[in-house]
Amino acid sequence: MIKLDLINRIRRFYKLPENNPEFIWTRSTTYQRRLEQVKSGWIVAGLLMLASGSTSAVIVIGAFSGFLSLAFLERS
């Protein structure tokens, strides 16, 4: 049996078509490149959180990083 990734298992569970534009976008090279940049951004944000030592700074950096991640990965 072939082990499917989470997105494909969810797609099959809800019987969504495979040629949906949102799924096609996640397989593009542009999306993959952006995803790698977001991963790097989260690593930098995590280091900033560790360096700050303040709970409020951690919350602000996490919220800002989450917003930027969602905005950056959106299809344009």
Protein backbone atom coordinates (compact mmCIF):
# COMPACT_ATOMS: atom_id res chain seq x y z
CA MET A 1 0.00 0.00 0.00
CA ILE A 2 1.28 3.45 -0.93
CA LYS A 3 1.54 5.87 1.98
CA LEU A 4 -0.02 9.20 1.04
CA ASP A 5 0.86 12.55 2.50
CA LEU A 6 -1.64 14.36 4.69
CA ILE A 7 -3.02 16.66 1.98
CA ASN A 8 -3.73 13.77 -0.37
CA ARG A 9 -5.41 11.75 2.40
CA ILE A 10 -7.66 14.70 3.26
CA ARG A 11 -8.42 15.26 -0.43
CA ARG A 12 -9.40 11.62 -0.86
CA PHE A 13 -11.48 11.60 2.35
CA TYR A 14 -13.58 14.56 1.18
CA LYS A 15 -13.57 13.30 -2.43
CA LEU A 16 -12.09 16.53 -3.80
CA PRO A 17 -10.88 16.54 -7.42
CA GLU A 18 -7.15 16.29 -8.00
CA ASN A 19 -7.13 19.02 -10.65
CA ASN A 20 -8.30 21.66 -8.17
CA PRO A 21 -6.25 24.88 -8.67
CA GLU A 22 -5.34 25.07 -4.97
CA PHE A 23 -3.76 21.60 -5.06
CA ILE A 24 -1.98 22.31 -8.33
CA TRP A 25 -0.53 25.50 -6.77
CA THR A 26 1.03 23.53 -3.89
CA ARG A 27 2.95 21.40 -6.38
CA SER A 28 4.43 24.30 -8.35
CA THR A 29 8.10 25.26 -8.11
CA THR A 30 7.18 28.82 -7.08
CA TYR A 31 5.21 27.53 -4.08
CA GLN A 32 8.02 25.16 -3.08
CA ARG A 33 10.56 28.00 -3.26
CA ARG A 34 8.31 30.24 -1.16
CA LEU A 35 7.80 27.43 1.34
CA GLU A 36 11.55 27.09 1.81
CA GLN A 37 11.82 30.85 2.39
CA VAL A 38 9.04 30.71 4.97
CA LYS A 39 10.81 27.83 6.75
CA SER A 40 13.97 29.92 6.92
CA GLY A 41 11.95 32.87 8.20
CA TRP A 42 10.49 30.75 10.98
CA ILE A 43 13.95 29.59 12.01
CA VAL A 44 15.11 33.21 12.24
CA ALA A 45 11.94 34.16 14.14
CA GLY A 46 12.54 31.28 16.56
CA LEU A 47 16.08 32.46 17.20
CA LEU A 48 14.79 35.97 17.83
CA MET A 49 12.25 34.56 20.27
CA LEU A 50 14.98 32.69 22.13
CA ALA A 51 17.18 35.77 22.24
CA SER A 52 14.46 38.13 23.44
CA GLY A 53 13.64 36.35 26.69
CA SER A 54 10.33 38.19 26.97
CA THR A 55 6.96 36.46 26.74
CA SER A 56 5.32 39.46 25.10
CA ALA A 57 8.08 39.64 22.46
CA VAL A 58 7.62 35.93 21.72
CA ILE A 59 3.88 36.43 21.19
CA VAL A 60 4.38 39.47 18.94
CA ILE A 61 7.12 37.80 16.87
CA GLY A 62 5.04 34.62 16.53
CA ALA A 63 1.91 36.48 15.45
CA PHE A 64 3.83 38.62 12.97
CA SER A 65 5.63 35.58 11.54
CA GLY A 66 2.36 33.68 11.18
CA PHE A 67 0.76 36.57 9.34
CA LEU A 68 3.75 36.92 7.00
CA SER A 69 3.78 33.18 6.32
CA LEU A 70 0.15 33.11 5.30
CA ALA A 71 0.46 36.27 3.22
CA PHE A 72 3.63 35.11 1.47
CA LEU A 73 2.33 31.63 0.60
CA GLU A 74 -0.92 32.95 -0.85
CA ARG A 75 -1.29 32.50 -4.56
CA SER A 76 -1.03 35.77 -6.44
